[in-house]
N, C-alpha and C. Protein backbone atom coordinates (compact mmCIF):
# COMPACT_ATOMS: atom_id res chain seq x y z
N MET A 1 -1.99 -12.50 -17.30
CA MET A 1 -1.26 -12.30 -16.76
C MET A 1 -2.31 -12.85 -14.96
N SER A 2 -1.51 -13.47 -14.39
CA SER A 2 -2.55 -14.44 -13.57
C SER A 2 -3.13 -13.41 -12.51
N GLY A 3 -4.34 -13.48 -11.26
CA GLY A 3 -4.66 -12.30 -10.79
C GLY A 3 -6.21 -12.80 -10.39
N ALA A 4 -6.65 -11.38 -9.67
CA ALA A 4 -8.22 -11.75 -9.27
C ALA A 4 -9.06 -11.74 -10.55
N THR A 5 -9.69 -12.97 -10.61
CA THR A 5 -10.99 -13.05 -11.52
C THR A 5 -12.00 -13.60 -11.28
N ASN A 6 -13.02 -13.72 -11.75
CA ASN A 6 -13.73 -13.91 -11.62
C ASN A 6 -14.65 -13.91 -10.37
N GLY A 7 -14.99 -13.01 -9.75
CA GLY A 7 -14.98 -12.51 -8.72
C GLY A 7 -14.95 -13.55 -7.07
N LYS A 8 -13.41 -14.09 -7.62
CA LYS A 8 -12.31 -14.56 -6.40
C LYS A 8 -11.11 -13.38 -6.48
N VAL A 9 -11.37 -13.46 -5.06
CA VAL A 9 -9.83 -12.35 -4.03
C VAL A 9 -9.03 -12.65 -4.19
N GLU A 10 -7.72 -12.65 -3.83
CA GLU A 10 -5.69 -13.04 -3.84
C GLU A 10 -6.27 -12.48 -2.31
N ARG A 11 -5.48 -13.34 -1.29
CA ARG A 11 -5.54 -12.75 0.19
C ARG A 11 -4.15 -12.75 0.34
N ILE A 12 -3.18 -11.92 0.42
CA ILE A 12 -1.98 -11.75 0.17
C ILE A 12 -1.43 -11.50 2.25
N PRO A 13 -1.26 -12.24 2.45
CA PRO A 13 -0.55 -11.68 4.10
C PRO A 13 0.79 -11.13 4.45
N LYS A 14 0.75 -10.14 5.09
CA LYS A 14 2.08 -9.13 5.26
C LYS A 14 1.77 -9.78 6.69
N PRO A 15 3.88 -8.85 7.18
CA PRO A 15 3.71 -8.97 8.19
C PRO A 15 3.36 -7.61 8.79
N TRP A 16 2.74 -6.93 8.66
CA TRP A 16 2.39 -5.93 8.33
C TRP A 16 0.69 -6.02 9.15
N GLY A 17 0.29 -6.70 8.01
CA GLY A 17 -1.27 -7.86 7.79
C GLY A 17 -1.51 -7.80 7.39
N HIS A 18 -2.11 -8.45 6.00
CA HIS A 18 -2.54 -8.50 5.21
C HIS A 18 -2.83 -7.47 3.98
N GLU A 19 -2.97 -7.59 2.17
CA GLU A 19 -3.61 -7.34 0.90
C GLU A 19 -4.60 -7.99 0.43
N MET A 20 -5.36 -7.50 0.05
CA MET A 20 -6.61 -8.46 -1.20
C MET A 20 -5.98 -8.08 -2.68
N ILE A 21 -6.06 -8.70 -3.84
CA ILE A 21 -5.91 -8.60 -4.44
C ILE A 21 -7.38 -8.05 -5.78
N PHE A 22 -7.85 -7.71 -5.64
CA PHE A 22 -9.76 -7.76 -6.47
C PHE A 22 -9.78 -7.28 -7.34
N ALA A 23 -8.32 -6.97 -8.03
CA ALA A 23 -9.04 -6.87 -9.84
C ALA A 23 -7.66 -6.73 -10.20
N ARG A 24 -7.01 -7.39 -10.79
CA ARG A 24 -5.49 -7.17 -11.85
C ARG A 24 -5.37 -7.36 -13.59
N THR A 25 -5.70 -6.60 -14.20
CA THR A 25 -4.93 -6.47 -15.63
C THR A 25 -3.76 -6.08 -16.23
N LYS A 26 -3.98 -6.39 -17.26
CA LYS A 26 -2.19 -5.62 -18.33
C LYS A 26 -2.35 -4.18 -17.62
N LYS A 27 -3.89 -3.51 -17.03
CA LYS A 27 -3.35 -2.62 -16.97
C LYS A 27 -3.80 -1.59 -15.40
N TYR A 28 -3.75 -2.50 -14.79
CA TYR A 28 -4.25 -1.67 -13.53
C TYR A 28 -4.31 -2.46 -12.87
N VAL A 29 -4.13 -2.49 -11.45
CA VAL A 29 -4.12 -3.02 -10.21
C VAL A 29 -5.18 -3.20 -8.91
N GLY A 30 -6.67 -3.45 -8.85
CA GLY A 30 -6.80 -3.44 -7.35
C GLY A 30 -6.65 -3.45 -6.33
N LYS A 31 -6.48 -2.87 -4.82
CA LYS A 31 -5.83 -4.22 -3.46
C LYS A 31 -7.08 -3.23 -2.70
N ILE A 32 -6.78 -4.03 -1.08
CA ILE A 32 -7.51 -3.28 -0.37
C ILE A 32 -5.68 -3.48 0.84
N LEU A 33 -6.10 -2.91 1.57
CA LEU A 33 -4.49 -3.48 2.30
C LEU A 33 -5.40 -2.33 4.32
N VAL A 34 -4.57 -4.01 4.14
CA VAL A 34 -5.47 -3.91 5.95
C VAL A 34 -4.17 -3.77 7.21
N ILE A 35 -3.51 -3.01 7.77
CA ILE A 35 -2.46 -2.73 8.75
C ILE A 35 -3.49 -3.18 9.58
N GLU A 36 -2.53 -3.63 10.56
CA GLU A 36 -2.89 -3.94 11.91
C GLU A 36 -1.99 -2.80 12.51
N LYS A 37 -2.51 -2.55 13.88
CA LYS A 37 -2.39 -1.52 14.96
C LYS A 37 -1.22 -1.86 15.28
N GLY A 38 -0.49 -1.11 15.22
CA GLY A 38 1.63 -1.16 16.33
C GLY A 38 1.84 -0.93 14.41
N HIS A 39 1.43 -1.03 13.71
CA HIS A 39 2.51 -1.58 12.12
C HIS A 39 2.40 -0.63 11.11
N ARG A 40 3.64 -1.41 10.75
CA ARG A 40 3.83 0.05 9.30
C ARG A 40 4.03 -0.82 7.89
N LEU A 41 4.52 0.16 7.27
CA LEU A 41 4.92 -0.52 5.00
C LEU A 41 6.43 0.61 5.72
N SER A 42 7.10 -0.79 5.26
CA SER A 42 8.88 -0.24 4.96
C SER A 42 8.35 1.26 4.22
N LEU A 43 9.97 2.27 4.64
CA LEU A 43 9.88 3.23 3.88
C LEU A 43 10.68 2.91 2.30
N GLN A 44 9.56 3.39 1.60
CA GLN A 44 9.61 3.01 0.39
C GLN A 44 9.41 3.91 -1.04
N LEU A 45 9.73 3.46 -2.01
CA LEU A 45 9.75 4.14 -3.21
C LEU A 45 9.22 2.98 -4.21
N HIS A 46 8.90 3.17 -5.51
CA HIS A 46 8.50 2.52 -7.07
C HIS A 46 9.22 3.64 -7.55
N ARG A 47 10.13 3.06 -9.07
CA ARG A 47 10.82 3.79 -9.74
C ARG A 47 9.61 2.90 -11.47
N ARG A 48 8.79 2.29 -10.78
CA ARG A 48 7.89 2.63 -12.08
C ARG A 48 6.11 2.81 -11.93
N LYS A 49 6.02 1.58 -10.39
CA LYS A 49 5.11 2.01 -10.44
C LYS A 49 4.42 3.09 -9.53
N HIS A 50 2.55 3.75 -9.95
CA HIS A 50 1.47 5.09 -10.20
C HIS A 50 1.37 4.06 -9.44
N GLU A 51 0.40 5.22 -7.98
CA GLU A 51 -0.48 4.23 -6.43
C GLU A 51 -1.63 5.28 -6.65
N SER A 52 -2.79 4.93 -6.73
CA SER A 52 -3.82 6.29 -5.75
C SER A 52 -4.65 5.07 -5.36
N LEU A 53 -4.62 5.93 -3.27
CA LEU A 53 -5.56 5.47 -2.61
C LEU A 53 -6.41 6.02 -1.76
N MET A 54 -7.83 5.72 -1.22
CA MET A 54 -8.08 6.39 -0.11
C MET A 54 -8.02 5.89 0.74
N VAL A 55 -7.91 6.46 2.22
CA VAL A 55 -8.58 5.35 3.91
C VAL A 55 -10.02 5.00 3.61
N LEU A 56 -10.19 4.02 3.91
CA LEU A 56 -10.97 3.89 4.56
C LEU A 56 -11.76 3.75 5.11
N ARG A 57 -10.63 3.22 6.41
CA ARG A 57 -11.37 2.97 8.24
C ARG A 57 -10.01 3.05 8.42
N GLY A 58 -9.47 3.46 9.60
CA GLY A 58 -8.98 3.93 10.93
C GLY A 58 -8.97 5.24 10.81
N ARG A 59 -7.37 5.74 11.25
CA ARG A 59 -6.26 6.92 10.65
C ARG A 59 -4.82 6.98 10.24
N LEU A 60 -4.19 7.16 9.81
CA LEU A 60 -4.05 6.76 8.74
C LEU A 60 -2.05 7.47 9.39
N LYS A 61 -1.48 6.83 8.83
CA LYS A 61 -0.09 8.61 9.36
C LYS A 61 0.93 7.90 8.44
N LEU A 62 0.42 9.53 7.86
CA LEU A 62 1.31 9.33 6.28
C LEU A 62 2.50 9.98 5.54
N LEU A 63 3.67 9.51 5.50
CA LEU A 63 4.56 9.29 4.70
C LEU A 63 4.81 9.35 3.81
N LEU A 64 4.33 10.67 3.30
CA LEU A 64 4.50 11.00 1.22
C LEU A 64 5.73 11.92 0.94
N GLY A 65 6.93 11.61 0.44
CA GLY A 65 7.87 12.88 0.08
C GLY A 65 8.60 13.05 1.85
N ARG A 66 8.63 14.23 2.01
CA ARG A 66 9.75 15.19 2.92
C ARG A 66 8.17 15.28 4.05
N LYS A 67 7.16 15.31 3.44
CA LYS A 67 5.54 15.17 4.67
C LYS A 67 5.10 14.63 4.96
N SER A 68 4.76 14.69 6.90
CA SER A 68 4.20 13.40 7.16
C SER A 68 2.59 13.94 7.98
N SER A 69 1.75 13.66 8.01
CA SER A 69 0.38 13.87 8.30
C SER A 69 -1.23 12.68 9.08
N THR A 70 -1.46 12.81 8.99
CA THR A 70 -2.05 11.93 9.92
C THR A 70 -3.85 11.89 8.65
N VAL A 71 -3.66 10.90 8.03
CA VAL A 71 -4.88 11.24 7.87
C VAL A 71 -6.71 10.09 7.55
N GLY A 72 -7.64 10.36 7.82
CA GLY A 72 -8.33 9.66 8.34
C GLY A 72 -9.34 9.23 7.07
N PRO A 73 -10.71 8.47 6.59
CA PRO A 73 -11.73 7.88 5.99
C PRO A 73 -11.98 8.91 4.98
N GLY A 74 -12.09 8.62 3.64
CA GLY A 74 -11.81 9.42 2.99
C GLY A 74 -11.07 10.29 2.22
N ALA A 75 -10.14 10.39 2.66
CA ALA A 75 -8.49 10.53 3.16
C ALA A 75 -8.40 10.22 1.29
N ALA A 76 -7.78 10.68 0.07
CA ALA A 76 -7.41 10.11 -0.42
C ALA A 76 -5.53 11.17 -0.77
N PHE A 77 -5.04 10.16 -2.17
CA PHE A 77 -3.57 10.68 -2.37
C PHE A 77 -2.90 10.14 -3.81
N THR A 78 -1.89 10.23 -3.72
CA THR A 78 -1.62 9.91 -5.26
C THR A 78 0.71 9.87 -4.55
N ILE A 79 0.76 8.63 -4.63
CA ILE A 79 2.12 8.53 -5.37
C ILE A 79 2.72 8.35 -6.85
N PRO A 80 3.44 8.70 -7.31
CA PRO A 80 4.54 9.32 -8.64
C PRO A 80 5.07 8.32 -8.43
N PRO A 81 5.37 7.86 -9.48
CA PRO A 81 7.17 6.77 -8.95
C PRO A 81 8.63 7.83 -8.93
N ARG A 82 9.00 7.62 -8.30
CA ARG A 82 10.49 7.36 -7.52
C ARG A 82 9.43 8.34 -6.01
N THR A 83 8.44 8.68 -5.89
CA THR A 83 8.41 9.89 -3.84
C THR A 83 8.54 8.93 -3.74
N ILE A 84 9.14 9.17 -1.89
CA ILE A 84 9.20 8.23 -0.66
C ILE A 84 8.88 8.18 0.18
N HIS A 85 7.57 7.12 0.49
CA HIS A 85 6.72 6.64 1.18
C HIS A 85 6.67 6.12 2.27
N ARG A 86 6.02 6.17 3.55
CA ARG A 86 5.19 5.01 3.47
C ARG A 86 4.15 5.13 4.44
N PHE A 87 3.50 3.88 5.08
CA PHE A 87 1.59 4.05 5.76
C PHE A 87 2.12 3.35 6.72
N GLU A 88 1.39 3.67 8.66
CA GLU A 88 1.56 3.44 9.60
C GLU A 88 0.29 3.66 10.44
N ALA A 89 0.12 2.46 10.81
CA ALA A 89 -1.44 2.13 12.05
C ALA A 89 -1.39 2.67 13.20
N PRO A 90 -0.48 3.54 13.56
CA PRO A 90 -0.34 3.46 15.33
C PRO A 90 -1.02 3.81 15.77
N LYS A 91 -3.30 3.58 15.71
CA LYS A 91 -3.84 4.07 16.98
C LYS A 91 -4.73 2.38 16.81
N GLY A 92 -4.58 1.90 15.86
CA GLY A 92 -5.62 1.64 15.68
C GLY A 92 -5.13 0.60 14.22
N ARG A 93 -6.27 0.13 13.66
CA ARG A 93 -6.36 -0.85 11.80
C ARG A 93 -6.58 0.21 11.63
N VAL A 94 -6.00 0.74 10.42
CA VAL A 94 -6.19 0.81 9.62
C VAL A 94 -6.67 0.44 8.78
N THR A 95 -7.64 0.27 7.27
CA THR A 95 -8.30 -0.13 6.31
C THR A 95 -7.99 1.00 5.04
N LEU A 96 -6.84 0.84 3.32
CA LEU A 96 -6.65 1.34 2.75
C LEU A 96 -8.19 0.76 1.53
N ILE A 97 -7.37 0.93 0.52
CA ILE A 97 -8.48 1.02 -1.62
C ILE A 97 -7.01 1.42 -2.44
N GLU A 98 -6.83 0.74 -2.75
CA GLU A 98 -6.04 1.48 -3.64
C GLU A 98 -5.74 0.73 -4.81
N VAL A 99 -5.47 1.95 -6.45
CA VAL A 99 -5.25 1.50 -7.67
C VAL A 99 -4.25 1.32 -8.17
N SER A 100 -3.40 1.10 -8.82
CA SER A 100 -1.86 1.17 -9.29
C SER A 100 -2.07 0.76 -10.94
N THR A 101 -0.47 1.42 -11.08
CA THR A 101 -0.18 0.75 -12.75
C THR A 101 -0.22 -1.23 -11.67
N PRO A 102 0.38 -1.96 -13.35
CA PRO A 102 0.19 -2.99 -12.60
C PRO A 102 1.95 -3.93 -12.39
N GLU A 103 2.30 -3.06 -11.66
CA GLU A 103 3.73 -3.92 -11.66
C GLU A 103 4.03 -3.27 -10.36
N LEU A 104 3.56 -4.37 -9.24
CA LEU A 104 3.43 -5.47 -8.27
C LEU A 104 4.49 -4.83 -7.82
N TRP A 105 6.46 -6.10 -8.01
CA TRP A 105 7.35 -6.08 -7.76
C TRP A 105 7.67 -4.65 -7.98
N ASP A 106 7.41 -4.12 -8.02
CA ASP A 106 8.20 -2.55 -8.29
C ASP A 106 8.87 -1.90 -7.41
N VAL A 107 9.18 -2.28 -6.09
CA VAL A 107 9.22 -1.86 -4.88
C VAL A 107 11.31 -1.54 -4.12
N VAL A 108 10.92 -0.45 -4.12
CA VAL A 108 12.63 -0.47 -3.70
C VAL A 108 12.56 -0.41 -2.08
N ARG A 109 13.09 -1.00 -1.10
CA ARG A 109 12.92 -0.57 0.18
C ARG A 109 14.08 -0.23 0.67
N LEU A 110 13.49 0.93 1.77
CA LEU A 110 14.53 1.85 1.47
C LEU A 110 14.75 1.40 3.56
N GLN A 111 13.54 0.70 4.07
CA GLN A 111 14.30 0.52 5.67
C GLN A 111 12.53 -0.52 5.44
N ASP A 112 13.12 -1.51 7.16
CA ASP A 112 11.65 -1.93 6.82
C ASP A 112 11.45 -2.94 8.10
N ASP A 113 10.97 -2.59 8.67
CA ASP A 113 11.18 -3.02 10.02
C ASP A 113 11.22 -4.24 10.09
N TYR A 114 9.77 -5.39 9.79
CA TYR A 114 10.30 -7.11 9.30
C TYR A 114 11.51 -7.35 8.66
N GLY A 115 12.94 -7.05 8.18
CA GLY A 115 13.70 -7.66 7.77
C GLY A 115 13.90 -7.87 6.30
N ARG A 116 12.97 -6.92 5.49
CA ARG A 116 13.01 -7.64 4.58
C ARG A 116 13.63 -6.48 3.79
N ARG A 117 14.84 -7.12 2.49
CA ARG A 117 15.89 -6.53 1.89
C ARG A 117 14.91 -5.90 0.49
N GLY A 118 15.26 -4.18 0.33
CA GLY A 118 15.82 -4.14 -1.25
C GLY A 118 15.50 -4.77 -2.05
N LYS A 119 15.38 -4.11 -3.21
CA LYS A 119 15.76 -4.45 -3.94
C LYS A 119 16.17 -3.76 -5.55
């Protein structure tokens, strides 16, 4: 499996900011997500991927299932498979750390501000 090894970090530009993959194995992936002010990720779900995240910086608007909340640094949450979710940075840059199962391809986009299509 390709990915970040030997201290190298893979930086992936996104229309909402960028992500940095700092660990990738057959069992898990570790990422830092940076969401720029005024941007948000797709309204999405994963069929297999299971994620755990923590806010490192900023105020994140979080949609998780049918619940919406705003959380700040230190807030941690889990996203089980098939849970509809969205992350948004309405008032300033947000930095998250994510640890997940390795299915990075597993994204079902339900709505996207940038015209990307779902799988």
